[in-house]
Amino acid sequence: MPSPRKKQTEIQEDIFTDDLYLGIDIGASNLKYGIIDASGKIIYQRSQSTNANKGLEYMLVSLKRLIMSMQERFPRIKAIGVGVPGIVLDDGTVKISPNMPEWVDVPLGKFLTNVFSLPISIDNDANCAAYAEMTLGAGKNFNSFIYVTLGTGVGGAIVYNRKILKGEHNAAGELGHIIYNPFEALNSKRPYRTGVLEEYLGKNQISAFAKKFIKDKPDTILHKYEKTDPYFISEAVEKGDEVAIEILRYIGHILGIGLATAMNLLDISVAIIGGGVALAPDQYIETAIETIKERALPHIAESVQILRAQFTKESGFIGSALLAKDYGES
């Protein structure tokens, strides 16, 4: 006999009569997933560790089991969307995922379609998040914008005339791979990572910079935290710590250089910033705007806007579910 708690959960799930859509956001650190209805309303959401350290095969098996469990609990799921950090080809093959080194030429689309009969959409995680912002979020009133996600890495997507710009190889929008410092010593193992924006704005890189930066600054409260990741930097900023504010402005300057480059190239003056690091206080956005106004072409400088994403932790799974919905109905 099922426990009262389980029975209550089953009753709650059985009340849904509309079509539902499953979205999964595979991150380098965490896997987020959820169910939305046709209007985009979140019905259910959860997060768990990606366990990337356990290997590719473990991750794929875990993904399959997760989808099966969601289908069992929500039988009205009509399509499945998956977002992956990296380059995803049209057939759902993950060509490369820089922050998950084992993910090279992984036939994720084939793997899932061999198991599940529902329509499946697989895309870059930043494209998914941008789609959520374009459809329901901060970008719904803009025809074109650059989407940037600041987290473990730096992702990006380009929305042009209300469509995700994919590029020749489905890899457009990789803002994190704009070359920020061309004078870095070449990374012999992964030369394409040499001096790129992500090597300065990724969560771990920010933490490493801050740790080095505060060594000769004994008055900062960051020494008391004994941690320098963006969460603690933000907390110190909220308490008025001048050193932490300086770090945040440094982050904003680098972001501004990257965005000015992208905006000049694409002739787009609006950027939407998402991801965990993007939740930091306003100083980094203010500095990014100041930098763009100094460094971008005049027509971009005059009209630049940087907005926070409406969706933060949920953007990836919402967007992947919305893409799955549209894919399933096309």
C-alpha atoms as a PDB file:
ATOM      1  CA  MET A   1       0.000   0.000   0.000  1.00  0.00           C
ATOM      2  CA  PRO A   2       1.516   3.366  -1.022  1.00  0.00           C
ATOM      3  CA  SER A   3       2.401   5.826   1.701  1.00  0.00           C
ATOM      4  CA  PRO A   4       0.044   8.799   2.187  1.00  0.00           C
ATOM      5  CA  ARG A   5       2.799  11.130   0.939  1.00  0.00           C
ATOM      6  CA  LYS A   6       3.261   9.169  -2.296  1.00  0.00           C
ATOM      7  CA  LYS A   7      -0.474   8.958  -2.868  1.00  0.00           C
ATOM      8  CA  GLN A   8      -0.808  12.716  -2.405  1.00  0.00           C
ATOM      9  CA  THR A   9       1.995  13.302  -4.955  1.00  0.00           C
ATOM     10  CA  GLU A  10       0.283  11.015  -7.467  1.00  0.00           C
ATOM     11  CA  ILE A  11      -3.026  12.855  -7.032  1.00  0.00           C
ATOM     12  CA  GLN A  12      -1.267  16.192  -7.578  1.00  0.00           C
ATOM     13  CA  GLU A  13       0.309  14.896 -10.778  1.00  0.00           C
ATOM     14  CA  ASP A  14      -2.889  13.360 -12.097  1.00  0.00           C
ATOM     15  CA  ILE A  15      -4.736  16.697 -12.043  1.00  0.00           C
ATOM     16  CA  PHE A  16      -2.840  17.936 -15.133  1.00  0.00           C
ATOM     17  CA  THR A  17      -4.997  17.558 -18.226  1.00  0.00           C
ATOM     18  CA  ASP A  18      -3.000  19.792 -20.583  1.00  0.00           C
ATOM     19  CA  ASP A  19       0.002  18.706 -22.630  1.00  0.00           C
ATOM     20  CA  LEU A  20       3.267  18.937 -20.723  1.00  0.00           C
ATOM     21  CA  TYR A  21       6.877  19.367 -21.831  1.00  0.00           C
ATOM     22  CA  LEU A  22      10.065  18.170 -20.154  1.00  0.00           C
ATOM     23  CA  GLY A  23      13.159  20.362 -20.210  1.00  0.00           C
ATOM     24  CA  ILE A  24      16.621  19.304 -19.034  1.00  0.00           C
ATOM     25  CA  ASP A  25      19.608  21.609 -18.609  1.00  0.00           C
ATOM     26  CA  ILE A  26      22.893  19.695 -18.370  1.00  0.00           C
ATOM     27  CA  GLY A  27      25.526  21.900 -16.760  1.00  0.00           C
ATOM     28  CA  ALA A  28      29.130  21.153 -15.930  1.00  0.00           C
ATOM     29  CA  SER A  29      28.267  21.225 -12.213  1.00  0.00           C
ATOM     30  CA  ASN A  30      24.492  20.772 -11.908  1.00  0.00           C
ATOM     31  CA  LEU A  31      21.680  19.229 -13.892  1.00  0.00           C
ATOM     32  CA  LYS A  32      18.398  21.123 -13.712  1.00  0.00           C
ATOM     33  CA  TYR A  33      15.127  19.798 -15.050  1.00  0.00           C
ATOM     34  CA  GLY A  34      11.464  20.621 -14.983  1.00  0.00           C
ATOM     35  CA  ILE A  35       8.034  20.330 -16.518  1.00  0.00           C
ATOM     36  CA  ILE A  36       6.151  23.203 -18.153  1.00  0.00           C
ATOM     37  CA  ASP A  37       2.675  23.414 -19.621  1.00  0.00           C
ATOM     38  CA  ALA A  38       1.795  24.849 -23.036  1.00  0.00           C
ATOM     39  CA  SER A  39       1.818  28.419 -21.689  1.00  0.00           C
ATOM     40  CA  GLY A  40       5.303  28.033 -20.198  1.00  0.00           C
ATOM     41  CA  LYS A  41       4.151  27.782 -16.594  1.00  0.00           C
ATOM     42  CA  ILE A  42       6.476  25.682 -14.438  1.00  0.00           C
ATOM     43  CA  ILE A  43       4.645  22.641 -13.102  1.00  0.00           C
ATOM     44  CA  TYR A  44       7.585  20.878 -11.497  1.00  0.00           C
ATOM     45  CA  GLN A  45      11.324  21.495 -11.135  1.00  0.00           C
ATOM     46  CA  ARG A  46      14.338  19.892  -9.514  1.00  0.00           C
ATOM     47  CA  SER A  47      18.139  20.109  -9.528  1.00  0.00           C
ATOM     48  CA  GLN A  48      20.855  17.563  -8.872  1.00  0.00           C
ATOM     49  CA  SER A  49      24.598  17.159  -9.278  1.00  0.00           C
ATOM     50  CA  THR A  50      25.735  16.403 -12.820  1.00  0.00           C
ATOM     51  CA  ASN A  51      28.361  13.972 -11.487  1.00  0.00           C
ATOM     52  CA  ALA A  52      30.554  14.643 -14.505  1.00  0.00           C
ATOM     53  CA  ASN A  53      33.491  13.148 -12.580  1.00  0.00           C
ATOM     54  CA  LYS A  54      31.824   9.724 -12.831  1.00  0.00           C
ATOM     55  CA  GLY A  55      32.239   9.671 -16.578  1.00  0.00           C
ATOM     56  CA  LEU A  56      30.237  10.016 -19.767  1.00  0.00           C
ATOM     57  CA  GLU A  57      28.561   6.612 -19.655  1.00  0.00           C
ATOM     58  CA  TYR A  58      27.300   7.204 -16.121  1.00  0.00           C
ATOM     59  CA  MET A  59      25.878  10.574 -17.158  1.00  0.00           C
ATOM     60  CA  LEU A  60      24.052   9.132 -20.172  1.00  0.00           C
ATOM     61  CA  VAL A  61      22.527   6.297 -18.152  1.00  0.00           C
ATOM     62  CA  SER A  62      21.463   8.758 -15.451  1.00  0.00           C
ATOM     63  CA  LEU A  63      19.867  10.980 -18.092  1.00  0.00           C
ATOM     64  CA  LYS A  64      17.906   8.063 -19.521  1.00  0.00           C
ATOM     65  CA  ARG A  65      16.669   7.042 -16.070  1.00  0.00           C
ATOM     66  CA  LEU A  66      15.680  10.617 -15.263  1.00  0.00           C
ATOM     67  CA  ILE A  67      13.572  10.910 -18.406  1.00  0.00           C
ATOM     68  CA  MET A  68      11.916   7.563 -17.728  1.00  0.00           C
ATOM     69  CA  SER A  69      11.029   8.591 -14.186  1.00  0.00           C
ATOM     70  CA  MET A  70       9.553  11.885 -15.421  1.00  0.00           C
ATOM     71  CA  GLN A  71       7.456  10.070 -18.026  1.00  0.00           C
ATOM     72  CA  GLU A  72       6.158   7.736 -15.351  1.00  0.00           C
ATOM     73  CA  ARG A  73       5.207  10.600 -13.052  1.00  0.00           C
ATOM     74  CA  PHE A  74       3.908  12.890 -15.811  1.00  0.00           C
ATOM     75  CA  PRO A  75       2.379  10.701 -18.533  1.00  0.00           C
ATOM     76  CA  ARG A  76       1.138  13.762 -20.456  1.00  0.00           C
ATOM     77  CA  ILE A  77       4.674  14.746 -21.491  1.00  0.00           C
ATOM     78  CA  LYS A  78       4.534  15.330 -25.250  1.00  0.00           C
ATOM     79  CA  ALA A  79       8.134  16.313 -26.034  1.00  0.00           C
ATOM     80  CA  ILE A  80      11.581  16.384 -24.422  1.00  0.00           C
ATOM     81  CA  GLY A  81      14.155  19.160 -24.661  1.00  0.00           C
ATOM     82  CA  VAL A  82      17.800  18.943 -23.597  1.00  0.00           C
ATOM     83  CA  GLY A  83      20.301  21.787 -23.318  1.00  0.00           C
ATOM     84  CA  VAL A  84      24.036  21.037 -23.323  1.00  0.00           C
ATOM     85  CA  PRO A  85      26.972  23.424 -22.821  1.00  0.00           C
ATOM     86  CA  GLY A  86      28.916  23.256 -26.059  1.00  0.00           C
ATOM     87  CA  ILE A  87      28.489  22.862 -29.798  1.00  0.00           C
ATOM     88  CA  VAL A  88      25.468  20.770 -30.751  1.00  0.00           C
ATOM     89  CA  LEU A  89      24.935  19.686 -34.364  1.00  0.00           C
ATOM     90  CA  ASP A  90      21.558  19.425 -36.120  1.00  0.00           C
ATOM     91  CA  ASP A  91      21.294  15.694 -35.426  1.00  0.00           C
ATOM     92  CA  GLY A  92      21.838  16.209 -31.689  1.00  0.00           C
ATOM     93  CA  THR A  93      25.501  15.220 -31.675  1.00  0.00           C
ATOM     94  CA  VAL A  94      27.479  17.101 -29.041  1.00  0.00           C
ATOM     95  CA  LYS A  95      30.597  18.003 -31.008  1.00  0.00           C
ATOM     96  CA  ILE A  96      32.464  19.428 -28.047  1.00  0.00           C
ATOM     97  CA  SER A  97      31.675  20.671 -24.550  1.00  0.00           C
ATOM     98  CA  PRO A  98      34.728  22.568 -23.222  1.00  0.00           C
ATOM     99  CA  ASN A  99      33.782  22.271 -19.542  1.00  0.00           C
ATOM    100  CA  MET A 100      32.948  18.549 -19.845  1.00  0.00           C
ATOM    101  CA  PRO A 101      36.078  17.147 -21.541  1.00  0.00           C
ATOM    102  CA  GLU A 102      34.664  13.661 -22.200  1.00  0.00           C
ATOM    103  CA  TRP A 103      31.842  15.109 -24.298  1.00  0.00           C
ATOM    104  CA  VAL A 104      33.443  14.938 -27.738  1.00  0.00           C
ATOM    105  CA  ASP A 105      31.350  13.740 -30.707  1.00  0.00           C
ATOM    106  CA  VAL A 106      28.719  12.294 -28.355  1.00  0.00           C
ATOM    107  CA  PRO A 107      25.659  11.110 -30.375  1.00  0.00           C
ATOM    108  CA  LEU A 108      23.194  12.286 -27.731  1.00  0.00           C
ATOM    109  CA  GLY A 109      20.331  12.680 -30.202  1.00  0.00           C
ATOM    110  CA  LYS A 110      20.713   9.137 -31.495  1.00  0.00           C
ATOM    111  CA  PHE A 111      21.095   7.774 -27.962  1.00  0.00           C
ATOM    112  CA  LEU A 112      17.816   9.345 -26.809  1.00  0.00           C
ATOM    113  CA  THR A 113      15.733   8.714 -29.941  1.00  0.00           C
ATOM    114  CA  ASN A 114      16.675   5.033 -29.779  1.00  0.00           C
ATOM    115  CA  VAL A 115      15.057   4.869 -26.343  1.00  0.00           C
ATOM    116  CA  PHE A 116      12.175   7.371 -26.459  1.00  0.00           C
ATOM    117  CA  SER A 117       9.456   7.746 -29.081  1.00  0.00           C
ATOM    118  CA  LEU A 118       8.584  11.356 -28.209  1.00  0.00           C
ATOM    119  CA  PRO A 119       9.933  14.328 -30.190  1.00  0.00           C
ATOM    120  CA  ILE A 120      13.335  15.321 -28.799  1.00  0.00           C
ATOM    121  CA  SER A 121      15.063  18.680 -29.186  1.00  0.00           C
ATOM    122  CA  ILE A 122      18.752  19.031 -28.295  1.00  0.00           C
ATOM    123  CA  ASP A 123      20.498  22.391 -28.410  1.00  0.00           C
ATOM    124  CA  ASN A 124      23.246  24.470 -26.886  1.00  0.00           C
ATOM    125  CA  ASP A 125      22.303  25.492 -23.349  1.00  0.00           C
ATOM    126  CA  ALA A 126      22.720  29.218 -24.016  1.00  0.00           C
ATOM    127  CA  ASN A 127      20.462  28.934 -27.075  1.00  0.00           C
ATOM    128  CA  CYS A 128      17.856  27.316 -24.840  1.00  0.00           C
ATOM    129  CA  ALA A 129      18.139  30.064 -22.237  1.00  0.00           C
ATOM    130  CA  ALA A 130      17.969  32.758 -24.926  1.00  0.00           C
ATOM    131  CA  TYR A 131      14.849  31.112 -26.330  1.00  0.00           C
ATOM    132  CA  ALA A 132      13.214  31.294 -22.893  1.00  0.00           C
ATOM    133  CA  GLU A 133      14.092  35.002 -22.620  1.00  0.00           C
ATOM    134  CA  MET A 134      12.890  35.708 -26.159  1.00  0.00           C
ATOM    135  CA  THR A 135       9.596  33.869 -25.683  1.00  0.00           C
ATOM    136  CA  LEU A 136       8.635  34.727 -22.114  1.00  0.00           C
ATOM    137  CA  GLY A 137      11.375  36.785 -20.495  1.00  0.00           C
ATOM    138  CA  ALA A 138      13.403  39.987 -20.712  1.00  0.00           C
ATOM    139  CA  GLY A 139      13.778  39.703 -24.490  1.00  0.00           C
ATOM    140  CA  LYS A 140      10.140  39.341 -25.424  1.00  0.00           C
ATOM    141  CA  ASN A 141       9.889  42.970 -26.589  1.00  0.00           C
ATOM    142  CA  PHE A 142      13.125  42.998 -28.615  1.00  0.00           C
ATOM    143  CA  ASN A 143      13.606  41.791 -32.168  1.00  0.00           C
ATOM    144  CA  SER A 144      17.316  41.170 -31.642  1.00  0.00           C
ATOM    145  CA  PHE A 145      19.634  40.801 -28.655  1.00  0.00           C
ATOM    146  CA  ILE A 146      22.804  39.087 -27.482  1.00  0.00           C
ATOM    147  CA  TYR A 147      22.298  36.635 -24.657  1.00  0.00           C
ATOM    148  CA  VAL A 148      25.192  35.941 -22.287  1.00  0.00           C
ATOM    149  CA  THR A 149      25.246  33.356 -19.546  1.00  0.00           C
ATOM    150  CA  LEU A 150      27.853  33.802 -16.802  1.00  0.00           C
ATOM    151  CA  GLY A 151      28.408  30.700 -14.726  1.00  0.00           C
ATOM    152  CA  THR A 152      30.978  27.909 -14.630  1.00  0.00           C
ATOM    153  CA  GLY A 153      31.794  29.090 -18.137  1.00  0.00           C
ATOM    154  CA  VAL A 154      30.660  31.897 -20.406  1.00  0.00           C
ATOM    155  CA  GLY A 155      27.959  30.951 -22.881  1.00  0.00           C
ATOM    156  CA  GLY A 156      26.251  33.041 -25.477  1.00  0.00           C
ATOM    157  CA  ALA A 157      23.485  33.115 -28.047  1.00  0.00           C
ATOM    158  CA  ILE A 158      22.383  35.544 -30.719  1.00  0.00           C
ATOM    159  CA  VAL A 159      18.731  36.367 -31.300  1.00  0.00           C
ATOM    160  CA  TYR A 160      18.257  38.113 -34.650  1.00  0.00           C
ATOM    161  CA  ASN A 161      14.788  39.054 -35.898  1.00  0.00           C
ATOM    162  CA  ARG A 162      13.193  36.760 -33.286  1.00  0.00           C
ATOM    163  CA  LYS A 163      15.210  33.710 -34.315  1.00  0.00           C
ATOM    164  CA  ILE A 164      18.243  32.015 -32.805  1.00  0.00           C
ATOM    165  CA  LEU A 165      21.159  32.617 -35.164  1.00  0.00           C
ATOM    166  CA  LYS A 166      22.874  29.240 -35.521  1.00  0.00           C
ATOM    167  CA  GLY A 167      25.749  29.842 -37.947  1.00  0.00           C
ATOM    168  CA  GLU A 168      27.192  27.461 -40.514  1.00  0.00           C
ATOM    169  CA  HIS A 169      28.040  24.730 -37.989  1.00  0.00           C
ATOM    170  CA  ASN A 170      25.340  25.387 -35.375  1.00  0.00           C
ATOM    171  CA  ALA A 171      27.936  27.107 -33.204  1.00  0.00           C
ATOM    172  CA  ALA A 172      27.163  30.826 -33.475  1.00  0.00           C
ATOM    173  CA  GLY A 173      27.030  32.894 -30.314  1.00  0.00           C
ATOM    174  CA  GLU A 174      30.063  31.495 -28.480  1.00  0.00           C
ATOM    175  CA  LEU A 175      30.802  34.779 -26.741  1.00  0.00           C
ATOM    176  CA  GLY A 176      33.077  33.024 -24.266  1.00  0.00           C
ATOM    177  CA  HIS A 177      35.472  32.259 -27.121  1.00  0.00           C
ATOM    178  CA  ILE A 178      36.014  35.841 -28.198  1.00  0.00           C
ATOM    179  CA  ILE A 179      39.772  36.330 -27.935  1.00  0.00           C
ATOM    180  CA  TYR A 180      40.274  38.798 -25.098  1.00  0.00           C
ATOM    181  CA  ASN A 181      44.047  38.525 -24.694  1.00  0.00           C
ATOM    182  CA  PRO A 182      45.962  37.596 -27.882  1.00  0.00           C
ATOM    183  CA  PHE A 183      49.311  37.652 -26.048  1.00  0.00           C
ATOM    184  CA  GLU A 184      48.689  34.685 -23.751  1.00  0.00           C
ATOM    185  CA  ALA A 185      51.109  31.782 -24.149  1.00  0.00           C
ATOM    186  CA  LEU A 186      49.464  29.214 -26.392  1.00  0.00           C
ATOM    187  CA  ASN A 187      47.664  26.378 -24.610  1.00  0.00           C
ATOM    188  CA  SER A 188      49.245  23.395 -26.378  1.00  0.00           C
ATOM    189  CA  LYS A 189      46.491  20.955 -25.385  1.00  0.00           C
ATOM    190  CA  ARG A 190      43.552  23.190 -26.268  1.00  0.00           C
ATOM    191  CA  PRO A 191      44.890  26.131 -28.280  1.00  0.00           C
ATOM    192  CA  TYR A 192      41.386  27.432 -28.992  1.00  0.00           C
ATOM    193  CA  ARG A 193      41.091  28.236 -25.276  1.00  0.00           C
ATOM    194  CA  THR A 194      44.089  30.551 -25.258  1.00  0.00           C
ATOM    195  CA  GLY A 195      43.278  34.042 -24.010  1.00  0.00           C
ATOM    196  CA  VAL A 196      39.537  33.740 -24.570  1.00  0.00           C
ATOM    197  CA  LEU A 197      36.919  35.621 -22.562  1.00  0.00           C
ATOM    198  CA  GLU A 198      35.838  32.521 -20.660  1.00  0.00           C
ATOM    199  CA  GLU A 199      39.361  32.158 -19.241  1.00  0.00           C
ATOM    200  CA  TYR A 200      38.753  35.477 -17.460  1.00  0.00           C
ATOM    201  CA  LEU A 201      35.018  35.450 -16.709  1.00  0.00           C
ATOM    202  CA  GLY A 202      34.344  31.828 -15.759  1.00  0.00           C
ATOM    203  CA  LYS A 203      33.415  31.304 -12.111  1.00  0.00           C
ATOM    204  CA  ASN A 204      36.695  29.575 -11.224  1.00  0.00           C
ATOM    205  CA  GLN A 205      38.742  32.167 -13.100  1.00  0.00           C
ATOM    206  CA  ILE A 206      37.029  35.029 -11.252  1.00  0.00           C
ATOM    207  CA  SER A 207      37.722  33.283  -7.958  1.00  0.00           C
ATOM    208  CA  ALA A 208      41.397  32.762  -8.848  1.00  0.00           C
ATOM    209  CA  PHE A 209      41.799  36.401  -9.868  1.00  0.00           C
ATOM    210  CA  ALA A 210      40.133  37.643  -6.669  1.00  0.00           C
ATOM    211  CA  LYS A 211      42.315  35.396  -4.497  1.00  0.00           C
ATOM    212  CA  LYS A 212      45.431  36.845  -6.077  1.00  0.00           C
ATOM    213  CA  PHE A 213      44.064  40.406  -6.055  1.00  0.00           C
ATOM    214  CA  ILE A 214      43.372  40.520  -2.293  1.00  0.00           C
ATOM    215  CA  LYS A 215      46.785  39.219  -1.187  1.00  0.00           C
ATOM    216  CA  ASP A 216      48.154  42.688  -0.477  1.00  0.00           C
ATOM    217  CA  LYS A 217      44.818  44.147   0.642  1.00  0.00           C
ATOM    218  CA  PRO A 218      44.435  43.160   4.310  1.00  0.00           C
ATOM    219  CA  ASP A 219      41.376  45.320   4.968  1.00  0.00           C
ATOM    220  CA  THR A 220      38.928  43.455   2.721  1.00  0.00           C
ATOM    221  CA  ILE A 221      36.389  41.243   4.470  1.00  0.00           C
ATOM    222  CA  LEU A 222      37.018  38.620   1.780  1.00  0.00           C
ATOM    223  CA  HIS A 223      39.908  37.429   3.972  1.00  0.00           C
ATOM    224  CA  LYS A 224      37.392  36.578   6.696  1.00  0.00           C
ATOM    225  CA  TYR A 225      35.283  34.522   4.268  1.00  0.00           C
ATOM    226  CA  GLU A 226      38.356  32.550   3.171  1.00  0.00           C
ATOM    227  CA  LYS A 227      36.586  32.099  -0.148  1.00  0.00           C
ATOM    228  CA  THR A 228      36.648  34.278  -3.246  1.00  0.00           C
ATOM    229  CA  ASP A 229      33.995  32.819  -5.504  1.00  0.00           C
ATOM    230  CA  PRO A 230      31.433  35.252  -7.000  1.00  0.00           C
ATOM    231  CA  TYR A 231      28.873  34.558  -4.253  1.00  0.00           C
ATOM    232  CA  PHE A 232      31.218  35.814  -1.523  1.00  0.00           C
ATOM    233  CA  ILE A 233      32.441  38.688  -3.672  1.00  0.00           C
ATOM    234  CA  SER A 234      28.818  39.770  -4.110  1.00  0.00           C
ATOM    235  CA  GLU A 235      28.166  39.450  -0.374  1.00  0.00           C
ATOM    236  CA  ALA A 236      31.183  41.640   0.353  1.00  0.00           C
ATOM    237  CA  VAL A 237      29.981  44.214  -2.177  1.00  0.00           C
ATOM    238  CA  GLU A 238      26.597  44.340  -0.444  1.00  0.00           C
ATOM    239  CA  LYS A 239      28.458  45.204   2.772  1.00  0.00           C
ATOM    240  CA  GLY A 240      30.279  48.056   1.053  1.00  0.00           C
ATOM    241  CA  ASP A 241      33.687  46.390   0.753  1.00  0.00           C
ATOM    242  CA  GLU A 242      35.696  48.617  -1.600  1.00  0.00           C
ATOM    243  CA  VAL A 243      38.060  45.834  -2.689  1.00  0.00           C
ATOM    244  CA  ALA A 244      35.155  43.588  -3.629  1.00  0.00           C
ATOM    245  CA  ILE A 245      33.574  46.464  -5.566  1.00  0.00           C
ATOM    246  CA  GLU A 246      36.860  46.910  -7.427  1.00  0.00           C
ATOM    247  CA  ILE A 247      36.854  43.202  -8.339  1.00  0.00           C
ATOM    248  CA  LEU A 248      33.276  43.451  -9.586  1.00  0.00           C
ATOM    249  CA  ARG A 249      34.148  46.464 -11.720  1.00  0.00           C
ATOM    250  CA  TYR A 250      37.095  44.524 -13.166  1.00  0.00           C
ATOM    251  CA  ILE A 251      34.648  41.759 -14.140  1.00  0.00           C
ATOM    252  CA  GLY A 252      32.330  44.366 -15.687  1.00  0.00           C
ATOM    253  CA  HIS A 253      35.192  45.863 -17.719  1.00  0.00           C
ATOM    254  CA  ILE A 254      36.113  42.498 -19.248  1.00  0.00           C
ATOM    255  CA  LEU A 255      32.438  41.771 -19.966  1.00  0.00           C
ATOM    256  CA  GLY A 256      32.083  45.207 -21.557  1.00  0.00           C
ATOM    257  CA  ILE A 257      35.064  44.601 -23.871  1.00  0.00           C
ATOM    258  CA  GLY A 258      33.583  41.276 -24.968  1.00  0.00           C
ATOM    259  CA  LEU A 259      30.138  42.740 -25.542  1.00  0.00           C
ATOM    260  CA  ALA A 260      31.480  45.786 -27.382  1.00  0.00           C
ATOM    261  CA  THR A 261      33.284  43.427 -29.763  1.00  0.00           C
ATOM    262  CA  ALA A 262      30.156  41.340 -30.329  1.00  0.00           C
ATOM    263  CA  MET A 263      27.857  44.362 -30.662  1.00  0.00           C
ATOM    264  CA  ASN A 264      30.139  46.036 -33.207  1.00  0.00           C
ATOM    265  CA  LEU A 265      30.270  42.836 -35.256  1.00  0.00           C
ATOM    266  CA  LEU A 266      26.564  42.031 -35.112  1.00  0.00           C
ATOM    267  CA  ASP A 267      25.082  45.564 -35.035  1.00  0.00           C
ATOM    268  CA  ILE A 268      23.007  44.659 -31.976  1.00  0.00           C
ATOM    269  CA  SER A 269      22.871  47.068 -29.031  1.00  0.00           C
ATOM    270  CA  VAL A 270      20.912  45.007 -26.462  1.00  0.00           C
ATOM    271  CA  ALA A 271      22.397  42.335 -24.214  1.00  0.00           C
ATOM    272  CA  ILE A 272      20.626  40.121 -21.696  1.00  0.00           C
ATOM    273  CA  ILE A 273      22.769  38.602 -18.938  1.00  0.00           C
ATOM    274  CA  GLY A 274      21.864  35.326 -17.252  1.00  0.00           C
ATOM    275  CA  GLY A 275      23.577  32.643 -15.215  1.00  0.00           C
ATOM    276  CA  GLY A 276      24.594  32.427 -11.567  1.00  0.00           C
ATOM    277  CA  VAL A 277      27.401  35.005 -11.723  1.00  0.00           C
ATOM    278  CA  ALA A 278      24.959  37.454 -13.329  1.00  0.00           C
ATOM    279  CA  LEU A 279      23.127  37.728  -9.998  1.00  0.00           C
ATOM    280  CA  ALA A 280      25.976  39.858  -8.637  1.00  0.00           C
ATOM    281  CA  PRO A 281      25.225  43.482  -7.642  1.00  0.00           C
ATOM    282  CA  ASP A 282      24.812  46.204 -10.267  1.00  0.00           C
ATOM    283  CA  GLN A 283      28.393  47.509 -10.312  1.00  0.00           C
ATOM    284  CA  TYR A 284      29.550  45.022 -12.942  1.00  0.00           C
ATOM    285  CA  ILE A 285      26.649  45.928 -15.268  1.00  0.00           C
ATOM    286  CA  GLU A 286      27.266  49.648 -14.764  1.00  0.00           C
ATOM    287  CA  THR A 287      30.953  49.187 -15.603  1.00  0.00           C
ATOM    288  CA  ALA A 288      30.143  47.022 -18.633  1.00  0.00           C
ATOM    289  CA  ILE A 289      27.859  49.765 -19.992  1.00  0.00           C
ATOM    290  CA  GLU A 290      30.519  52.422 -19.354  1.00  0.00           C
ATOM    291  CA  THR A 291      33.072  50.290 -21.201  1.00  0.00           C
ATOM    292  CA  ILE A 292      30.772  49.703 -24.164  1.00  0.00           C
ATOM    293  CA  LYS A 293      30.022  53.414 -24.414  1.00  0.00           C
ATOM    294  CA  GLU A 294      33.766  54.066 -24.561  1.00  0.00           C
ATOM    295  CA  ARG A 295      34.706  51.285 -26.961  1.00  0.00           C
ATOM    296  CA  ALA A 296      31.733  50.540 -29.236  1.00  0.00           C
ATOM    297  CA  LEU A 297      30.799  52.274 -32.456  1.00  0.00           C
ATOM    298  CA  PRO A 298      28.829  55.500 -31.827  1.00  0.00           C
ATOM    299  CA  HIS A 299      25.418  54.184 -32.841  1.00  0.00           C
ATOM    300  CA  ILE A 300      25.874  51.195 -30.501  1.00  0.00           C
ATOM    301  CA  ALA A 301      27.222  53.371 -27.674  1.00  0.00           C
ATOM    302  CA  GLU A 302      24.205  55.683 -27.892  1.00  0.00           C
ATOM    303  CA  SER A 303      21.610  52.921 -27.663  1.00  0.00           C
ATOM    304  CA  VAL A 304      23.284  50.189 -25.580  1.00  0.00           C
ATOM    305  CA  GLN A 305      21.141  48.354 -23.039  1.00  0.00           C
ATOM    306  CA  ILE A 306      22.179  45.572 -20.683  1.00  0.00           C
ATOM    307  CA  LEU A 307      19.346  43.794 -18.910  1.00  0.00           C
ATOM    308  CA  ARG A 308      19.314  41.049 -16.351  1.00  0.00           C
ATOM    309  CA  ALA A 309      17.621  37.882 -17.539  1.00  0.00           C
ATOM    310  CA  GLN A 310      14.131  37.309 -16.172  1.00  0.00           C
ATOM    311  CA  PHE A 311      14.951  33.646 -15.684  1.00  0.00           C
ATOM    312  CA  THR A 312      18.070  32.624 -13.792  1.00  0.00           C
ATOM    313  CA  LYS A 313      18.484  29.038 -12.623  1.00  0.00           C
ATOM    314  CA  GLU A 314      15.386  27.929 -14.537  1.00  0.00           C
ATOM    315  CA  SER A 315      16.233  29.447 -17.936  1.00  0.00           C
ATOM    316  CA  GLY A 316      17.945  26.390 -19.423  1.00  0.00           C
ATOM    317  CA  PHE A 317      15.231  23.855 -18.736  1.00  0.00           C
ATOM    318  CA  ILE A 318      12.416  26.297 -19.555  1.00  0.00           C
ATOM    319  CA  GLY A 319      14.014  27.143 -22.888  1.00  0.00           C
ATOM    320  CA  SER A 320      14.788  23.533 -23.774  1.00  0.00           C
ATOM    321  CA  ALA A 321      11.202  22.560 -22.928  1.00  0.00           C
ATOM    322  CA  LEU A 322       9.844  25.430 -25.051  1.00  0.00           C
ATOM    323  CA  LEU A 323      12.053  24.358 -27.960  1.00  0.00           C
ATOM    324  CA  ALA A 324      10.803  20.801 -27.526  1.00  0.00           C
ATOM    325  CA  LYS A 325       7.228  22.063 -27.542  1.00  0.00           C
ATOM    326  CA  ASP A 326       7.746  24.008 -30.766  1.00  0.00           C
ATOM    327  CA  TYR A 327       9.695  21.142 -32.292  1.00  0.00           C
ATOM    328  CA  GLY A 328       6.926  18.689 -31.425  1.00  0.00           C
ATOM    329  CA  GLU A 329       4.233  20.896 -32.902  1.00  0.00           C
ATOM    330  CA  SER A 330       6.114  21.730 -36.101  1.00  0.00           C
END
